[in-house]
Protein backbone atom coordinates (compact mmCIF):
# COMPACT_ATOMS: atom_id res chain seq x y z
CA UNK A 1 17.23 30.60 -13.40
CA UNK A 2 14.96 32.79 -11.31
CA UNK A 3 15.51 33.67 -7.67
CA UNK A 4 12.19 34.37 -5.95
CA UNK A 5 13.57 34.97 -2.47
CA UNK A 6 16.14 37.35 -1.02
CA UNK A 7 18.56 35.63 1.40
CA UNK A 8 20.90 37.13 3.91
CA UNK A 9 24.00 36.88 1.79
CA UNK A 10 26.56 36.76 4.60
CA UNK A 11 28.67 33.62 4.17
CA UNK A 12 27.42 32.94 0.63
CA UNK A 13 30.75 33.71 -1.04
CA UNK A 14 31.83 30.84 -3.24
CA UNK A 15 28.31 29.49 -3.81
CA UNK A 16 27.19 29.10 -7.42
CA UNK A 17 23.92 30.54 -8.72
CA UNK A 18 21.80 27.44 -8.18
CA UNK A 19 23.18 27.01 -4.64
CA UNK A 20 22.36 30.63 -3.80
CA UNK A 21 18.84 30.13 -5.16
CA UNK A 22 18.27 27.08 -2.94
CA UNK A 23 19.74 28.87 0.09
CA UNK A 24 17.37 31.78 -0.51
CA UNK A 25 14.44 29.39 -0.06
CA UNK A 26 15.95 27.48 2.88
CA UNK A 27 16.84 30.54 4.95
CA UNK A 28 13.44 30.79 6.75
CA UNK A 29 13.78 27.09 7.72
CA UNK A 30 17.38 27.04 8.91
CA UNK A 31 16.32 26.34 12.51
CA UNK A 32 14.09 23.32 11.77
CA UNK A 33 14.87 19.84 10.49
CA UNK A 34 15.09 19.94 6.69
CA UNK A 35 14.07 16.71 4.97
CA UNK A 36 14.99 16.03 1.33
CA UNK A 37 12.87 13.63 -0.74
CA UNK A 38 15.63 11.57 -2.36
CA UNK A 39 14.84 9.14 -5.19
CA UNK A 40 18.42 8.93 -6.49
CA UNK A 41 17.50 10.51 -9.84
CA UNK A 42 19.40 13.43 -11.32
CA UNK A 43 17.13 16.14 -9.89
CA UNK A 44 17.00 14.91 -6.28
CA UNK A 45 20.72 14.02 -6.39
CA UNK A 46 21.49 17.62 -7.30
CA UNK A 47 19.19 18.93 -4.56
CA UNK A 48 20.68 16.65 -1.91
CA UNK A 49 24.22 17.67 -2.87
CA UNK A 50 23.33 21.35 -2.73
CA UNK A 51 21.66 20.93 0.66
CA UNK A 52 24.64 18.96 1.98
CA UNK A 53 27.02 21.77 1.00
CA UNK A 54 24.72 24.35 2.57
CA UNK A 55 24.38 22.22 5.72
CA UNK A 56 28.15 22.19 6.18
CA UNK A 57 28.41 25.93 5.72
CA UNK A 58 25.36 27.02 7.72
CA UNK A 59 25.01 24.12 10.24
CA UNK A 60 21.65 22.92 8.93
CA UNK A 61 19.90 19.85 10.37
CA UNK A 62 19.43 17.67 7.30
CA UNK A 63 17.81 14.27 6.60
CA UNK A 64 17.27 12.31 3.38
CA UNK A 65 14.02 10.37 2.92
CA UNK A 66 13.51 7.62 0.35
CA UNK A 67 10.30 5.76 -0.54
CA UNK A 68 10.70 2.34 -2.15
CA UNK A 69 7.43 1.63 -3.99
CA UNK A 70 8.64 -1.82 -5.07
CA UNK A 71 7.26 -1.38 -8.58
CA UNK A 72 10.59 -2.09 -10.28
CA UNK A 73 12.92 -5.07 -10.04
CA UNK A 74 15.63 -2.44 -9.44
CA UNK A 75 13.85 -0.86 -6.44
CA UNK A 76 16.05 -2.52 -3.81
CA UNK A 77 19.23 -1.47 -5.66
CA UNK A 78 17.96 2.10 -5.92
CA UNK A 79 17.25 2.17 -2.19
CA UNK A 80 20.77 0.89 -1.44
CA UNK A 81 22.23 3.52 -3.77
CA UNK A 82 20.35 6.31 -2.00
CA UNK A 83 21.49 5.05 1.39
CA UNK A 84 25.15 4.98 0.27
CA UNK A 85 25.00 8.46 -1.28
CA UNK A 86 23.41 9.96 1.83
CA UNK A 87 26.01 8.24 4.03
CA UNK A 88 28.83 9.52 1.79
CA UNK A 89 27.49 13.06 2.20
CA UNK A 90 27.19 12.62 5.98
CA UNK A 91 23.40 12.97 5.91
CA UNK A 92 20.99 10.95 8.08
CA UNK A 93 18.94 8.58 5.91
CA UNK A 94 15.53 6.92 6.38
CA UNK A 95 13.55 4.79 3.95
CA UNK A 96 10.35 2.79 3.77
CA UNK A 97 9.05 0.07 1.48
CA UNK A 98 5.43 0.30 0.42
CA UNK A 99 5.39 -3.31 -0.75
CA UNK A 100 6.83 -6.46 0.69
CA UNK A 101 6.29 -8.99 3.43
CA UNK A 102 6.91 -6.58 6.28
CA UNK A 103 4.80 -3.63 5.07
CA UNK A 104 1.57 -2.70 3.37
CA UNK A 105 0.89 -3.79 -0.20
CA UNK A 106 -0.20 -0.92 -2.41
CA UNK A 107 -2.55 -1.63 -5.30
CA UNK A 108 -2.21 1.50 -7.43
CA UNK A 109 -0.94 5.04 -7.74
CA UNK A 110 -3.64 6.56 -5.52
CA UNK A 111 -2.98 4.11 -2.70
CA UNK A 112 0.78 4.52 -3.13
CA UNK A 113 0.42 8.29 -2.90
CA UNK A 114 -1.61 7.93 0.31
CA UNK A 115 0.94 5.58 1.83
CA UNK A 116 3.84 7.75 0.74
CA UNK A 117 2.42 10.92 2.23
CA UNK A 118 1.44 9.15 5.43
CA UNK A 119 5.01 7.96 5.96
CA UNK A 120 6.52 11.31 4.97
CA UNK A 121 4.17 13.12 7.34
CA UNK A 122 5.25 10.84 10.19
CA UNK A 123 8.92 11.46 9.38
CA UNK A 124 8.75 15.22 8.90
CA UNK A 125 6.37 15.99 11.78
CA UNK A 126 4.60 19.27 12.41
CA UNK A 127 7.68 21.49 12.67
CA UNK A 128 9.84 20.11 9.84
CA UNK A 129 9.85 20.88 6.13
CA UNK A 130 10.08 18.53 3.14
CA UNK A 131 12.10 19.53 0.06
CA UNK A 132 11.30 18.08 -3.36
CA UNK A 133 13.31 18.55 -6.55
CA UNK A 134 10.58 19.86 -8.88
CA UNK A 135 12.00 22.34 -11.38
CA UNK A 136 10.83 24.74 -14.08
CA UNK A 137 10.49 22.06 -16.76
CA UNK A 138 8.21 20.08 -14.44
CA UNK A 139 6.09 23.21 -14.12
CA UNK A 140 5.57 23.39 -17.89
CA UNK A 141 4.80 19.67 -18.16
CA UNK A 142 2.34 19.82 -15.26
CA UNK A 143 0.45 22.74 -16.79
CA UNK A 144 -0.04 20.88 -20.08
CA UNK A 145 -0.85 17.62 -18.32
CA UNK A 146 -3.54 19.20 -16.15
CA UNK A 147 -4.90 21.23 -19.05
CA UNK A 148 -5.57 17.99 -20.92
CA UNK A 149 -7.36 16.64 -17.84
CA UNK A 150 -9.67 19.65 -17.66
CA UNK A 151 -8.32 21.03 -14.39
CA UNK A 152 -9.71 24.15 -12.72
CA UNK A 153 -7.78 27.40 -12.26
CA UNK A 154 -6.39 26.02 -9.02
CA UNK A 155 -5.10 22.90 -10.76
CA UNK A 156 -3.70 24.83 -13.71
CA UNK A 157 -1.69 26.92 -11.28
CA UNK A 158 0.39 23.74 -11.26
CA UNK A 159 3.28 23.44 -8.79
CA UNK A 160 3.67 26.00 -6.00
CA UNK A 161 7.08 26.90 -4.52
CA UNK A 162 5.57 26.33 -1.07
CA UNK A 163 2.46 24.34 -0.26
CA UNK A 164 0.72 22.26 2.38
CA UNK A 165 -0.11 18.74 1.17
CA UNK A 166 -1.63 16.17 3.53
CA UNK A 167 -0.49 18.29 6.50
CA UNK A 168 3.06 18.41 5.11
CA UNK A 169 4.94 21.64 4.50
CA UNK A 170 6.56 21.11 1.10
CA UNK A 171 9.22 23.45 -0.28
CA UNK A 172 10.39 23.29 -3.92
CA UNK A 173 13.57 25.39 -4.08
CA UNK A 174 14.50 24.34 -7.65
CA UNK A 175 11.26 25.51 -9.22
CA UNK A 176 12.97 28.57 -10.68
CA UNK A 177 15.67 26.42 -12.31
CA UNK A 178 15.59 24.56 -15.61
CA UNK A 179 16.41 20.90 -16.14
CA UNK A 180 19.45 21.99 -18.15
CA UNK A 181 20.81 24.05 -15.23
CA UNK A 182 20.44 21.04 -12.95
CA UNK A 183 22.26 18.78 -15.42
CA UNK A 184 25.09 21.28 -15.69
CA UNK A 185 25.41 21.39 -11.89
CA UNK A 186 25.51 17.58 -11.69
CA UNK A 187 28.17 17.41 -14.39
CA UNK A 188 30.26 20.11 -12.71
CA UNK A 189 30.13 18.30 -9.36
CA UNK A 190 30.61 14.90 -11.03
CA UNK A 191 27.66 13.45 -9.11
CA UNK A 192 26.44 9.88 -9.47
CA UNK A 193 22.74 9.38 -10.06
CA UNK A 194 20.24 6.75 -11.14
CA UNK A 195 18.42 6.56 -14.46
CA UNK A 196 14.94 5.04 -14.38
CA UNK A 197 14.31 3.35 -17.77
CA UNK A 198 10.57 3.99 -17.43
CA UNK A 199 11.21 7.74 -17.77
CA UNK A 200 11.69 7.24 -21.52
CA UNK A 201 8.47 5.26 -21.99
CA UNK A 202 6.10 7.60 -23.86
CA UNK A 203 3.13 5.38 -23.03
CA UNK A 204 3.03 7.46 -19.84
CA UNK A 205 1.37 10.85 -20.33
CA UNK A 206 4.07 12.94 -18.66
CA UNK A 207 6.84 11.22 -20.64
CA UNK A 208 4.87 11.79 -23.84
CA UNK A 209 4.67 15.49 -23.04
CA UNK A 210 8.36 15.67 -22.09
CA UNK A 211 9.78 13.78 -25.07
CA UNK A 212 7.35 14.55 -27.87
CA UNK A 213 4.99 17.46 -27.23
CA UNK A 214 7.25 20.05 -25.59
CA UNK A 215 10.18 19.51 -28.01
CA UNK A 216 7.74 20.10 -30.86
CA UNK A 217 6.58 23.30 -29.15
CA UNK A 218 10.17 24.44 -28.72
CA UNK A 219 10.92 24.06 -32.43
CA UNK A 220 8.25 26.70 -33.08
CA UNK A 221 8.50 28.64 -29.82
CA UNK A 222 12.02 28.23 -28.33
CA UNK A 223 10.98 29.77 -25.00
CA UNK A 224 7.93 27.53 -24.60
CA UNK A 225 8.97 26.16 -21.16
CA UNK A 226 9.52 29.49 -19.37
CA UNK A 227 6.40 30.89 -21.04
CA UNK A 228 4.31 27.97 -19.78
CA UNK A 229 5.86 28.33 -16.32
CA UNK A 230 5.00 32.04 -16.32
CA UNK A 231 1.42 31.21 -17.34
CA UNK A 232 1.18 28.81 -14.40
CA UNK A 233 2.37 31.60 -12.10
CA UNK A 234 -0.31 33.93 -13.49
CA UNK A 235 -2.93 31.28 -12.82
CA UNK A 236 -1.62 30.93 -9.26
CA UNK A 237 -2.14 34.66 -8.78
CA UNK A 238 -5.66 34.43 -10.22
CA UNK A 239 -6.44 31.59 -7.82
CA UNK A 240 -5.10 33.64 -4.90
CA UNK A 241 -7.62 36.37 -5.78
CA UNK A 242 -10.44 33.82 -5.99
CA UNK A 243 -9.39 32.50 -2.57
CA UNK A 244 -9.60 36.01 -1.09
CA UNK A 245 -13.15 36.34 -2.42
CA UNK A 246 -14.02 32.90 -1.01
CA UNK A 247 -12.65 33.80 2.43
CA UNK A 248 -14.72 36.97 2.49
CA UNK A 249 -17.88 35.11 1.41
CA UNK A 250 -17.38 32.28 3.90
CA UNK A 251 -16.93 34.75 6.74
CA UNK A 252 -20.47 35.94 6.02
CA UNK A 253 -21.77 32.37 5.73
CA UNK A 254 -20.37 31.09 9.02
CA UNK A 255 -22.84 28.86 10.90
CA UNK A 256 -21.95 29.29 14.57
CA UNK A 257 -25.08 28.03 16.34
CA UNK A 258 -26.15 24.48 15.44
CA UNK A 259 -27.51 21.44 17.26
CA UNK A 260 -24.63 19.04 16.58
CA UNK A 261 -23.39 17.15 19.64
CA UNK A 262 -20.54 15.33 17.90
CA UNK A 263 -17.43 16.78 16.28
CA UNK A 264 -17.91 19.01 13.24
CA UNK A 265 -14.99 20.17 11.09
CA UNK A 266 -16.91 23.26 10.06
CA UNK A 267 -20.41 24.50 9.29
CA UNK A 268 -21.80 27.21 7.02
CA UNK A 269 -25.28 28.66 6.60
CA UNK A 270 -27.25 27.37 3.62
CA UNK A 271 -29.40 30.49 3.57
CA UNK A 272 -26.40 32.84 3.55
CA UNK A 273 -24.60 30.75 0.91
CA UNK A 274 -27.59 30.91 -1.43
CA UNK A 275 -27.64 34.71 -1.30
CA UNK A 276 -24.36 34.67 -3.29
CA UNK A 277 -24.28 34.46 -7.06
CA UNK A 278 -23.97 30.89 -8.38
CA UNK A 279 -20.35 31.44 -9.42
CA UNK A 280 -19.48 32.68 -5.94
CA UNK A 281 -21.34 29.76 -4.38
CA UNK A 282 -19.16 27.38 -6.40
CA UNK A 283 -16.00 29.31 -5.58
CA UNK A 284 -16.78 29.46 -1.85
CA UNK A 285 -17.65 25.77 -1.63
CA UNK A 286 -14.63 24.73 -3.68
CA UNK A 287 -12.31 26.70 -1.37
CA UNK A 288 -14.10 25.42 1.76
CA UNK A 289 -13.77 21.80 0.66
CA UNK A 290 -10.11 22.19 -0.24
CA UNK A 291 -8.94 24.12 2.81
CA UNK A 292 -11.12 22.55 5.50
CA UNK A 293 -11.36 18.98 4.26
CA UNK A 294 -8.44 18.46 1.91
CA UNK A 295 -11.01 17.69 -0.78
CA UNK A 296 -10.98 18.36 -4.51
CA UNK A 297 -14.54 18.07 -5.82
CA UNK A 298 -15.34 17.55 -9.49
CA UNK A 299 -17.27 20.32 -11.23
CA UNK A 300 -20.13 17.88 -11.81
CA UNK A 301 -20.39 16.90 -8.13
CA UNK A 302 -20.21 20.53 -7.01
CA UNK A 303 -22.86 21.67 -9.49
CA UNK A 304 -25.23 18.88 -8.47
CA UNK A 305 -24.79 19.65 -4.76
CA UNK A 306 -25.55 23.34 -5.34
CA UNK A 307 -28.60 22.42 -7.46
CA UNK A 308 -29.94 20.37 -4.54
CA UNK A 309 -29.26 23.21 -2.11
CA UNK A 310 -31.12 25.65 -4.35
CA UNK A 311 -34.08 23.29 -4.84
CA UNK A 312 -34.48 22.80 -1.09
CA UNK A 313 -33.73 19.07 -1.19
CA UNK A 314 -34.08 17.50 2.26
CA UNK A 315 -30.67 15.91 2.61
CA UNK A 316 -28.03 16.78 -0.01
CA UNK A 317 -24.90 14.72 0.57
CA UNK A 318 -21.34 14.55 -0.77
CA UNK A 319 -18.79 11.93 0.29
CA UNK A 320 -15.06 12.11 -0.39
CA UNK A 321 -11.85 10.32 0.47
CA UNK A 322 -9.78 13.48 0.91
CA UNK A 323 -6.07 13.89 1.59
CA UNK A 324 -6.90 14.14 5.33
CA UNK A 325 -9.14 11.08 5.43
CA UNK A 326 -12.80 10.27 4.65
CA UNK A 327 -15.06 13.33 4.71
CA UNK A 328 -18.73 14.05 4.08
CA UNK A 329 -20.72 17.21 3.49
CA UNK A 330 -24.25 16.99 4.86
CA UNK A 331 -27.16 19.38 5.20
CA UNK A 332 -29.63 19.72 8.06
CA UNK A 333 -32.06 22.60 8.29
CA UNK A 334 -30.00 25.75 7.68
CA UNK A 335 -26.62 24.15 8.24
CA UNK A 336 -24.15 22.74 5.70
CA UNK A 337 -21.73 20.58 7.69
CA UNK A 338 -18.33 19.11 6.92
CA UNK A 339 -17.76 15.98 8.95
CA UNK A 340 -15.04 13.37 9.44
CA UNK A 341 -16.20 9.92 8.42
CA UNK A 342 -15.03 6.45 9.30
CA UNK A 343 -14.87 3.48 6.94
CA UNK A 344 -15.89 1.20 9.81
CA UNK A 345 -19.01 3.18 10.66
CA UNK A 346 -21.55 1.69 8.28
CA UNK A 347 -25.11 0.84 9.22
CA UNK A 348 -24.59 -2.73 8.03
CA UNK A 349 -21.66 -3.21 10.43
CA UNK A 350 -23.38 -1.63 13.40
CA UNK A 351 -24.79 -4.02 16.05
CA UNK A 352 -28.42 -3.60 17.05
CA UNK A 353 -27.56 -4.29 20.69
CA UNK A 354 -24.42 -4.46 22.81
CA UNK A 355 -24.23 -5.71 26.39
CA UNK A 356 -22.59 -3.49 29.00
CA UNK A 357 -20.98 -4.13 32.38
CA UNK A 358 -21.08 -0.53 33.62
CA UNK A 359 -17.44 0.32 32.82
CA UNK A 360 -15.95 2.71 30.29
CA UNK A 361 -16.25 1.29 26.79
CA UNK A 362 -15.18 2.14 23.25
CA UNK A 363 -17.98 1.59 20.73
CA UNK A 364 -15.91 1.10 17.59
CA UNK A 365 -18.89 0.58 15.32
CA UNK A 366 -19.97 4.20 15.88
CA UNK A 367 -16.58 5.73 16.81
CA UNK A 368 -17.74 6.73 20.28
CA UNK A 369 -16.12 6.47 23.71
CA UNK A 370 -18.49 6.09 26.66
CA UNK A 371 -17.27 7.08 30.12
CA UNK A 372 -19.13 6.47 33.38
CA UNK A 373 -18.26 8.92 36.18
CA UNK A 374 -19.63 8.69 39.76
CA UNK A 375 -21.49 11.83 40.87
CA UNK A 376 -23.91 12.84 43.61
CA UNK A 377 -27.42 14.07 42.86
CA UNK A 378 -27.07 13.92 39.05
CA UNK A 379 -26.97 11.47 36.17
CA UNK A 380 -28.44 7.96 36.29
CA UNK A 381 -29.12 6.44 39.72
CA UNK A 382 -26.24 4.11 40.58
CA UNK A 383 -28.55 1.40 41.88
CA UNK A 384 -30.21 1.31 38.45
CA UNK A 385 -26.90 0.28 36.87
CA UNK A 386 -25.15 -1.90 39.43
CA UNK A 387 -26.13 -5.56 39.15
CA UNK A 388 -28.64 -4.96 36.35
CA UNK A 389 -28.94 -6.52 32.90
CA UNK A 390 -27.63 -3.59 30.84
CA UNK A 391 -27.47 -3.21 27.09
CA UNK A 392 -26.98 -0.51 24.49
CA UNK A 393 -29.38 -0.24 21.55
CA UNK A 394 -29.29 1.84 18.39
CA UNK A 395 -32.61 1.15 16.73
CA UNK A 396 -34.77 4.00 18.01
CA UNK A 397 -38.19 2.93 16.68
CA UNK A 398 -41.03 4.44 18.74
CA UNK A 399 -39.13 4.53 22.02
CA UNK A 400 -41.09 6.50 24.62
CA UNK A 401 -39.95 8.03 27.92
CA UNK A 402 -40.81 10.56 30.60
CA UNK A 403 -37.87 12.99 30.59
CA UNK A 404 -36.40 13.92 33.96
CA UNK A 405 -37.14 17.54 34.88
CA UNK A 406 -39.99 17.49 32.37
CA UNK A 407 -43.73 17.76 32.70
CA UNK A 408 -44.07 14.08 33.54
CA UNK A 409 -45.92 13.20 30.35
CA UNK A 410 -44.68 10.56 27.95
CA UNK A 411 -42.67 11.73 24.95
CA UNK A 412 -41.38 10.01 21.82
CA UNK A 413 -37.57 9.97 21.63
CA UNK A 414 -37.57 10.85 17.92
CA UNK A 415 -39.65 13.96 18.66
CA UNK A 416 -37.20 15.02 21.37
CA UNK A 417 -34.31 14.60 18.91
CA UNK A 418 -36.09 16.86 16.44
CA UNK A 419 -36.84 19.48 19.09
CA UNK A 420 -33.17 19.47 20.17
CA UNK A 421 -32.09 20.00 16.55
CA UNK A 422 -29.93 16.88 16.44
CA UNK A 423 -29.12 15.89 12.84
CA UNK A 424 -30.20 12.43 11.61
CA UNK A 425 -26.61 11.19 11.11
CA UNK A 426 -25.88 11.89 14.79
CA UNK A 427 -29.04 10.15 15.97
CA UNK A 428 -27.78 7.00 14.21
CA UNK A 429 -24.59 7.04 16.31
CA UNK A 430 -26.18 7.81 19.69
CA UNK A 431 -26.75 4.71 21.84
CA UNK A 432 -29.71 4.18 24.15
CA UNK A 433 -29.14 2.49 27.52
CA UNK A 434 -31.66 -0.14 28.62
CA UNK A 435 -31.79 -1.84 32.04
CA UNK A 436 -33.76 -5.09 32.22
CA UNK A 437 -35.47 -4.10 28.98
CA UNK A 438 -36.52 -0.60 30.14
CA UNK A 439 -35.27 2.63 28.57
CA UNK A 440 -32.85 4.49 30.86
CA UNK A 441 -31.21 7.28 28.89
CA UNK A 442 -29.36 8.61 25.88
CA UNK A 443 -26.04 9.75 27.42
CA UNK A 444 -25.59 13.50 27.50
CA UNK A 445 -29.13 14.17 26.22
CA UNK A 446 -32.02 12.77 28.20
CA UNK A 447 -32.75 10.45 31.17
CA UNK A 448 -36.06 8.81 31.96
CA UNK A 449 -37.37 10.26 35.24
CA UNK A 450 -37.65 6.78 36.78
CA UNK A 451 -33.87 6.37 36.55
CA UNK A 452 -32.67 9.91 37.26
CA UNK A 453 -30.68 10.50 40.46
CA UNK A 454 -32.34 13.07 42.71
CA UNK A 455 -30.57 15.35 45.19
CA UNK A 456 -28.03 13.59 47.46
CA UNK A 457 -28.61 10.28 45.67
CA UNK A 458 -25.49 8.54 44.26
CA UNK A 459 -25.51 8.70 40.50
CA UNK A 460 -23.41 7.97 37.42
CA UNK A 461 -22.85 10.57 34.75
CA UNK A 462 -22.57 8.96 31.31
CA UNK A 463 -20.60 10.93 28.72
CA UNK A 464 -20.05 10.22 25.04
CA UNK A 465 -16.86 11.40 23.31
CA UNK A 466 -16.47 11.54 19.55
CA UNK A 467 -13.44 9.50 18.49
CA UNK A 468 -13.50 11.10 15.04
CA UNK A 469 -12.40 14.44 16.46
CA UNK A 470 -8.75 15.46 16.55
CA UNK A 471 -9.18 15.98 20.29
CA UNK A 472 -11.76 13.85 22.12
CA UNK A 473 -14.74 15.97 23.08
CA UNK A 474 -17.56 14.79 25.37
CA UNK A 475 -21.18 15.08 24.27
CA UNK A 476 -22.98 17.24 26.82
């Protein structure tokens, strides 16, 4: 058993080695709520017992969390068992069911993972930490499993002692311990635990590795597990170096000035990115996608995107359903943009027109909030809105106008969009206001001079806010 942290050892007398190892990892989090992922199996039962003993000694704030996936006929019994064990240890317990009449129905592992992390994130919050019972044997199995799936260096680094997953801080204090050490602890403490029969089914890849491949390795190389775990740690260190290079490259590629009016997660310069070697382009983009968007791109998708960037393609595009929600990577002029997407915002679902009564309105089809604020000497003339037949339109066509504060000559709206540097995907979301069939404005961008409020004339300022942003931001 390895101990990768150095605790303050005051008050640790009487703790066994595995308890001291866990305490070493918990020490930085002693003042926050510590949540333990508790399935009832041998590993999480050991971790919960250790944490309960530490909580009594060091006054930790502890909770047990259980996710009932409903995939087994025994799921309800397992949930009841976990509740009883947590209650016996004096630990607060919360659970959720991912299937059933009163909750969502998950259709597969990916959807279950999304639902599980969403619930855990809600329970743990921003300031808490989640403990899982991954151990050294899991590390070895994960390395082999990902190797057979063709994972990158980042994936082969396997399980980290501390990581951020789906905005969750996850701590794995047993990672330096072996499965045998955990079993010995459970036997010494005479702990009850559940046995999932599916864990012996070698039709599952991880069980096949655990029961057939690794034992065969150990017959030839008795220290196969710690060696594989050490290899994973070396790969983690290699990835950390690659990440440092990516950070340095991205700092030089930062795109600060762009014409986007709606929320952008981040933007980098295509020109600056293409000055890097191809390997560094891939490394920088891979890091950018992972850290900014929670996205893991396949090597094929990444290579094709870079090929399009290099060839000068007009609109390279990547779409992902990342751990933080739907994301897209789009290109316009010199900018490469990462954007939040919405499943509801499809062109097919978008109305061509929408009537308006002059009040604030949420346009769900384009994820936009429109607010109308009374002003004096600015915005759209109030008498042009009150009592008029108002509607919003999205099909731009050859709409023409005479911009307020312009030369007075007629201009095409699409030309104005181009001159303002507004990307095509934003133009699709921006509504046009019409009064009695005449073009009035695009909120926040341009008003026809016939409808613009002059000095001392009551007006209405129309502002668009992007509902895809983490904090609503008006388009100005």
